[in-house]
Amino acid sequence: MISHLTHGIALTELQCIKKWHVAHRKNHPLEYHVWDAVLTLWLIGWVGWLPALALDAWWALPPCAIAILVPRLYIGWRKQVHIQQRLRCDWMDCTR
């Protein structure tokens, strides 16, 4: 499970997954909204760490770091459950 954390996720992968969700949002509305939430948390993490650092809000740095990792964690989790055949993941081709 840790192996997906050792490499970064390219923006092209994130874009490919987003395009898949937009194209299939009528058939998979929950997945579409979950992916939007994942990207929102990721963006909050990247935007929030600098003000947290500048304002000495040390308590906010760990949540920002976790938020930055959310796409990696989500994609890794989806790969795991897809491999275990517990949840189908049709956009898996984007992450290869």
N, C-alpha and C. Protein backbone atom coordinates (compact mmCIF):
# COMPACT_ATOMS: atom_id res chain seq x y z
N MET A 1 0.81 -1.19 0.00
CA MET A 1 0.00 0.00 0.00
C MET A 1 0.86 1.26 0.00
N ILE A 2 2.03 1.20 0.57
CA ILE A 2 2.90 2.37 0.63
C ILE A 2 3.54 2.65 -0.72
N SER A 3 3.60 1.70 -1.61
CA SER A 3 4.31 1.88 -2.88
C SER A 3 3.74 3.04 -3.70
N HIS A 4 2.45 3.32 -3.62
CA HIS A 4 1.88 4.42 -4.39
C HIS A 4 2.26 5.78 -3.82
N LEU A 5 2.82 5.81 -2.61
CA LEU A 5 3.24 7.08 -2.03
C LEU A 5 4.66 7.46 -2.44
N THR A 6 5.42 6.50 -2.97
CA THR A 6 6.81 6.75 -3.28
C THR A 6 7.00 7.50 -4.58
N HIS A 7 6.01 7.54 -5.43
CA HIS A 7 6.13 8.30 -6.66
C HIS A 7 5.03 9.35 -6.71
N GLY A 8 5.31 10.42 -7.39
CA GLY A 8 4.33 11.49 -7.51
C GLY A 8 3.28 11.17 -8.56
N ILE A 9 2.25 11.93 -8.53
CA ILE A 9 1.19 11.81 -9.53
C ILE A 9 1.35 13.00 -10.46
N ALA A 10 1.48 12.72 -11.73
CA ALA A 10 1.65 13.79 -12.71
C ALA A 10 0.33 14.53 -12.90
N LEU A 11 0.45 15.79 -13.23
CA LEU A 11 -0.76 16.58 -13.50
C LEU A 11 -1.52 16.01 -14.69
N THR A 12 -0.82 15.38 -15.62
CA THR A 12 -1.51 14.76 -16.76
C THR A 12 -2.39 13.61 -16.30
N GLU A 13 -1.94 12.87 -15.27
CA GLU A 13 -2.78 11.80 -14.72
C GLU A 13 -4.03 12.37 -14.06
N LEU A 14 -3.83 13.43 -13.27
CA LEU A 14 -4.98 14.06 -12.62
C LEU A 14 -5.96 14.60 -13.66
N GLN A 15 -5.42 15.19 -14.73
CA GLN A 15 -6.27 15.72 -15.79
C GLN A 15 -7.00 14.60 -16.51
N CYS A 16 -6.33 13.49 -16.77
CA CYS A 16 -6.97 12.36 -17.45
C CYS A 16 -8.12 11.81 -16.60
N ILE A 17 -7.88 11.66 -15.31
CA ILE A 17 -8.94 11.16 -14.42
C ILE A 17 -10.10 12.14 -14.38
N LYS A 18 -9.80 13.43 -14.31
CA LYS A 18 -10.85 14.45 -14.29
C LYS A 18 -11.67 14.42 -15.58
N LYS A 19 -10.99 14.29 -16.73
CA LYS A 19 -11.69 14.22 -18.00
C LYS A 19 -12.61 13.00 -18.05
N TRP A 20 -12.15 11.87 -17.51
CA TRP A 20 -12.99 10.67 -17.48
C TRP A 20 -14.24 10.94 -16.65
N HIS A 21 -14.06 11.55 -15.47
CA HIS A 21 -15.20 11.83 -14.60
C HIS A 21 -16.18 12.80 -15.24
N VAL A 22 -15.67 13.81 -15.93
CA VAL A 22 -16.56 14.77 -16.60
C VAL A 22 -17.34 14.06 -17.71
N ALA A 23 -16.65 13.22 -18.47
CA ALA A 23 -17.31 12.51 -19.57
C ALA A 23 -18.36 11.51 -19.08
N HIS A 24 -18.18 10.99 -17.87
CA HIS A 24 -19.08 9.95 -17.35
C HIS A 24 -19.89 10.41 -16.15
N ARG A 25 -20.03 11.72 -15.95
CA ARG A 25 -20.69 12.21 -14.73
C ARG A 25 -22.16 11.84 -14.65
N LYS A 26 -22.83 11.64 -15.78
CA LYS A 26 -24.25 11.25 -15.72
C LYS A 26 -24.41 9.81 -15.26
N ASN A 27 -23.47 8.95 -15.65
CA ASN A 27 -23.54 7.54 -15.25
C ASN A 27 -22.92 7.28 -13.89
N HIS A 28 -21.99 8.13 -13.46
CA HIS A 28 -21.27 7.95 -12.20
C HIS A 28 -21.24 9.26 -11.41
N PRO A 29 -22.40 9.77 -10.99
CA PRO A 29 -22.40 11.08 -10.32
C PRO A 29 -21.67 11.10 -8.98
N LEU A 30 -21.75 10.02 -8.22
CA LEU A 30 -21.07 9.99 -6.93
C LEU A 30 -19.55 10.03 -7.12
N GLU A 31 -19.06 9.23 -8.05
CA GLU A 31 -17.62 9.24 -8.34
C GLU A 31 -17.16 10.62 -8.78
N TYR A 32 -17.97 11.28 -9.60
CA TYR A 32 -17.66 12.62 -10.08
C TYR A 32 -17.50 13.59 -8.91
N HIS A 33 -18.42 13.55 -7.96
CA HIS A 33 -18.37 14.46 -6.82
C HIS A 33 -17.25 14.10 -5.85
N VAL A 34 -16.99 12.82 -5.68
CA VAL A 34 -15.89 12.41 -4.81
C VAL A 34 -14.56 12.90 -5.39
N TRP A 35 -14.38 12.76 -6.71
CA TRP A 35 -13.14 13.21 -7.32
C TRP A 35 -13.00 14.73 -7.20
N ASP A 36 -14.10 15.47 -7.34
CA ASP A 36 -14.05 16.92 -7.12
C ASP A 36 -13.63 17.24 -5.69
N ALA A 37 -14.13 16.48 -4.73
CA ALA A 37 -13.74 16.69 -3.33
C ALA A 37 -12.25 16.40 -3.13
N VAL A 38 -11.76 15.34 -3.76
CA VAL A 38 -10.34 14.99 -3.68
C VAL A 38 -9.49 16.13 -4.22
N LEU A 39 -9.86 16.64 -5.39
CA LEU A 39 -9.09 17.75 -5.99
C LEU A 39 -9.21 19.03 -5.16
N THR A 40 -10.37 19.26 -4.56
CA THR A 40 -10.55 20.44 -3.71
C THR A 40 -9.65 20.37 -2.49
N LEU A 41 -9.60 19.22 -1.85
CA LEU A 41 -8.71 19.06 -0.69
C LEU A 41 -7.25 19.23 -1.09
N TRP A 42 -6.88 18.68 -2.23
CA TRP A 42 -5.52 18.80 -2.74
C TRP A 42 -5.15 20.28 -2.93
N LEU A 43 -6.06 21.03 -3.54
CA LEU A 43 -5.83 22.45 -3.77
C LEU A 43 -5.77 23.22 -2.45
N ILE A 44 -6.64 22.90 -1.51
CA ILE A 44 -6.61 23.55 -0.20
C ILE A 44 -5.27 23.31 0.48
N GLY A 45 -4.76 22.10 0.37
CA GLY A 45 -3.46 21.79 0.96
C GLY A 45 -2.35 22.63 0.37
N TRP A 46 -2.31 22.73 -0.96
CA TRP A 46 -1.26 23.50 -1.62
C TRP A 46 -1.39 24.99 -1.35
N VAL A 47 -2.61 25.49 -1.32
CA VAL A 47 -2.81 26.92 -1.10
C VAL A 47 -2.62 27.27 0.38
N GLY A 48 -2.94 26.35 1.26
CA GLY A 48 -2.94 26.66 2.69
C GLY A 48 -1.62 26.57 3.41
N TRP A 49 -0.65 25.83 2.88
CA TRP A 49 0.58 25.63 3.66
C TRP A 49 1.39 26.90 3.81
N LEU A 50 1.45 27.74 2.78
CA LEU A 50 2.26 28.96 2.88
C LEU A 50 1.67 29.97 3.88
N PRO A 51 0.36 30.26 3.82
CA PRO A 51 -0.19 31.15 4.85
C PRO A 51 -0.05 30.55 6.26
N ALA A 52 -0.21 29.25 6.38
CA ALA A 52 -0.06 28.62 7.70
C ALA A 52 1.37 28.82 8.22
N LEU A 53 2.32 28.70 7.33
CA LEU A 53 3.71 28.90 7.71
C LEU A 53 3.97 30.37 8.04
N ALA A 54 3.47 31.26 7.21
CA ALA A 54 3.68 32.70 7.41
C ALA A 54 3.01 33.22 8.68
N LEU A 55 1.88 32.65 9.04
CA LEU A 55 1.12 33.11 10.21
C LEU A 55 1.45 32.31 11.47
N ASP A 56 2.47 31.48 11.39
CA ASP A 56 2.88 30.63 12.52
C ASP A 56 1.74 29.75 13.03
N ALA A 57 0.90 29.31 12.13
CA ALA A 57 -0.19 28.39 12.48
C ALA A 57 0.31 26.96 12.27
N TRP A 58 1.20 26.54 13.15
CA TRP A 58 1.84 25.24 13.01
C TRP A 58 0.85 24.09 13.03
N TRP A 59 -0.25 24.28 13.73
CA TRP A 59 -1.29 23.25 13.80
C TRP A 59 -1.89 22.98 12.42
N ALA A 60 -1.83 23.95 11.50
CA ALA A 60 -2.44 23.79 10.18
C ALA A 60 -1.54 23.07 9.19
N LEU A 61 -0.26 22.95 9.48
CA LEU A 61 0.66 22.31 8.53
C LEU A 61 0.38 20.82 8.33
N PRO A 62 0.16 20.03 9.39
CA PRO A 62 -0.14 18.61 9.15
C PRO A 62 -1.42 18.39 8.33
N PRO A 63 -2.53 19.11 8.60
CA PRO A 63 -3.70 18.93 7.73
C PRO A 63 -3.42 19.32 6.27
N CYS A 64 -2.61 20.35 6.06
CA CYS A 64 -2.27 20.75 4.70
C CYS A 64 -1.45 19.65 4.01
N ALA A 65 -0.50 19.07 4.75
CA ALA A 65 0.31 17.99 4.18
C ALA A 65 -0.56 16.78 3.83
N ILE A 66 -1.49 16.45 4.69
CA ILE A 66 -2.40 15.33 4.41
C ILE A 66 -3.27 15.65 3.21
N ALA A 67 -3.76 16.89 3.13
CA ALA A 67 -4.60 17.29 1.99
C ALA A 67 -3.83 17.19 0.68
N ILE A 68 -2.55 17.51 0.70
CA ILE A 68 -1.72 17.41 -0.50
C ILE A 68 -1.60 15.95 -0.94
N LEU A 69 -1.63 15.02 0.00
CA LEU A 69 -1.50 13.60 -0.31
C LEU A 69 -2.81 12.92 -0.69
N VAL A 70 -3.93 13.61 -0.54
CA VAL A 70 -5.25 12.99 -0.76
C VAL A 70 -5.37 12.32 -2.14
N PRO A 71 -4.96 12.95 -3.25
CA PRO A 71 -5.10 12.25 -4.53
C PRO A 71 -4.29 10.94 -4.58
N ARG A 72 -3.07 10.96 -4.05
CA ARG A 72 -2.26 9.74 -4.03
C ARG A 72 -2.93 8.65 -3.21
N LEU A 73 -3.43 9.05 -2.04
CA LEU A 73 -4.09 8.08 -1.17
C LEU A 73 -5.35 7.52 -1.81
N TYR A 74 -6.14 8.39 -2.42
CA TYR A 74 -7.39 7.97 -3.04
C TYR A 74 -7.13 7.04 -4.23
N ILE A 75 -6.20 7.43 -5.09
CA ILE A 75 -5.88 6.59 -6.25
C ILE A 75 -5.31 5.26 -5.80
N GLY A 76 -4.44 5.28 -4.81
CA GLY A 76 -3.89 4.03 -4.27
C GLY A 76 -4.96 3.13 -3.68
N TRP A 77 -5.89 3.73 -2.94
CA TRP A 77 -6.97 2.95 -2.36
C TRP A 77 -7.85 2.36 -3.45
N ARG A 78 -8.18 3.17 -4.47
CA ARG A 78 -9.02 2.69 -5.56
C ARG A 78 -8.34 1.56 -6.32
N LYS A 79 -7.03 1.66 -6.52
CA LYS A 79 -6.29 0.58 -7.18
C LYS A 79 -6.38 -0.71 -6.36
N GLN A 80 -6.21 -0.58 -5.05
CA GLN A 80 -6.27 -1.75 -4.17
C GLN A 80 -7.62 -2.45 -4.25
N VAL A 81 -8.69 -1.69 -4.11
CA VAL A 81 -10.01 -2.32 -4.12
C VAL A 81 -10.38 -2.81 -5.51
N HIS A 82 -9.83 -2.18 -6.55
CA HIS A 82 -10.06 -2.67 -7.91
C HIS A 82 -9.36 -4.02 -8.12
N ILE A 83 -8.14 -4.12 -7.65
CA ILE A 83 -7.39 -5.37 -7.76
C ILE A 83 -8.08 -6.48 -6.97
N GLN A 84 -8.62 -6.14 -5.82
CA GLN A 84 -9.34 -7.11 -4.98
C GLN A 84 -10.74 -7.40 -5.51
N GLN A 85 -11.12 -6.72 -6.57
CA GLN A 85 -12.43 -6.85 -7.21
C GLN A 85 -13.59 -6.54 -6.26
N ARG A 86 -13.37 -5.58 -5.38
CA ARG A 86 -14.43 -5.13 -4.50
C ARG A 86 -15.14 -3.90 -5.05
N LEU A 87 -14.44 -3.16 -5.92
CA LEU A 87 -14.98 -1.94 -6.50
C LEU A 87 -14.33 -1.74 -7.87
N ARG A 88 -15.15 -1.61 -8.88
CA ARG A 88 -14.62 -1.45 -10.23
C ARG A 88 -14.13 -0.01 -10.43
N CYS A 89 -13.03 0.12 -11.12
CA CYS A 89 -12.47 1.43 -11.37
C CYS A 89 -12.18 1.55 -12.87
N ASP A 90 -13.09 2.18 -13.58
CA ASP A 90 -12.98 2.28 -15.04
C ASP A 90 -11.94 3.30 -15.49
N TRP A 91 -11.54 4.22 -14.64
CA TRP A 91 -10.57 5.23 -15.04
C TRP A 91 -9.13 4.81 -14.70
N MET A 92 -8.96 3.55 -14.34
CA MET A 92 -7.62 3.06 -13.97
C MET A 92 -6.61 3.19 -15.10
N ASP A 93 -7.06 3.18 -16.36
CA ASP A 93 -6.14 3.31 -17.49
C ASP A 93 -5.38 4.63 -17.46
N CYS A 94 -5.94 5.63 -16.82
CA CYS A 94 -5.28 6.95 -16.75
C CYS A 94 -4.05 6.94 -15.85
N THR A 95 -3.95 6.00 -14.94
CA THR A 95 -2.88 6.00 -13.94
C THR A 95 -1.80 4.98 -14.26
N ARG A 96 -1.74 4.50 -15.44
CA ARG A 96 -0.70 3.51 -15.79
C ARG A 96 0.44 4.14 -16.50
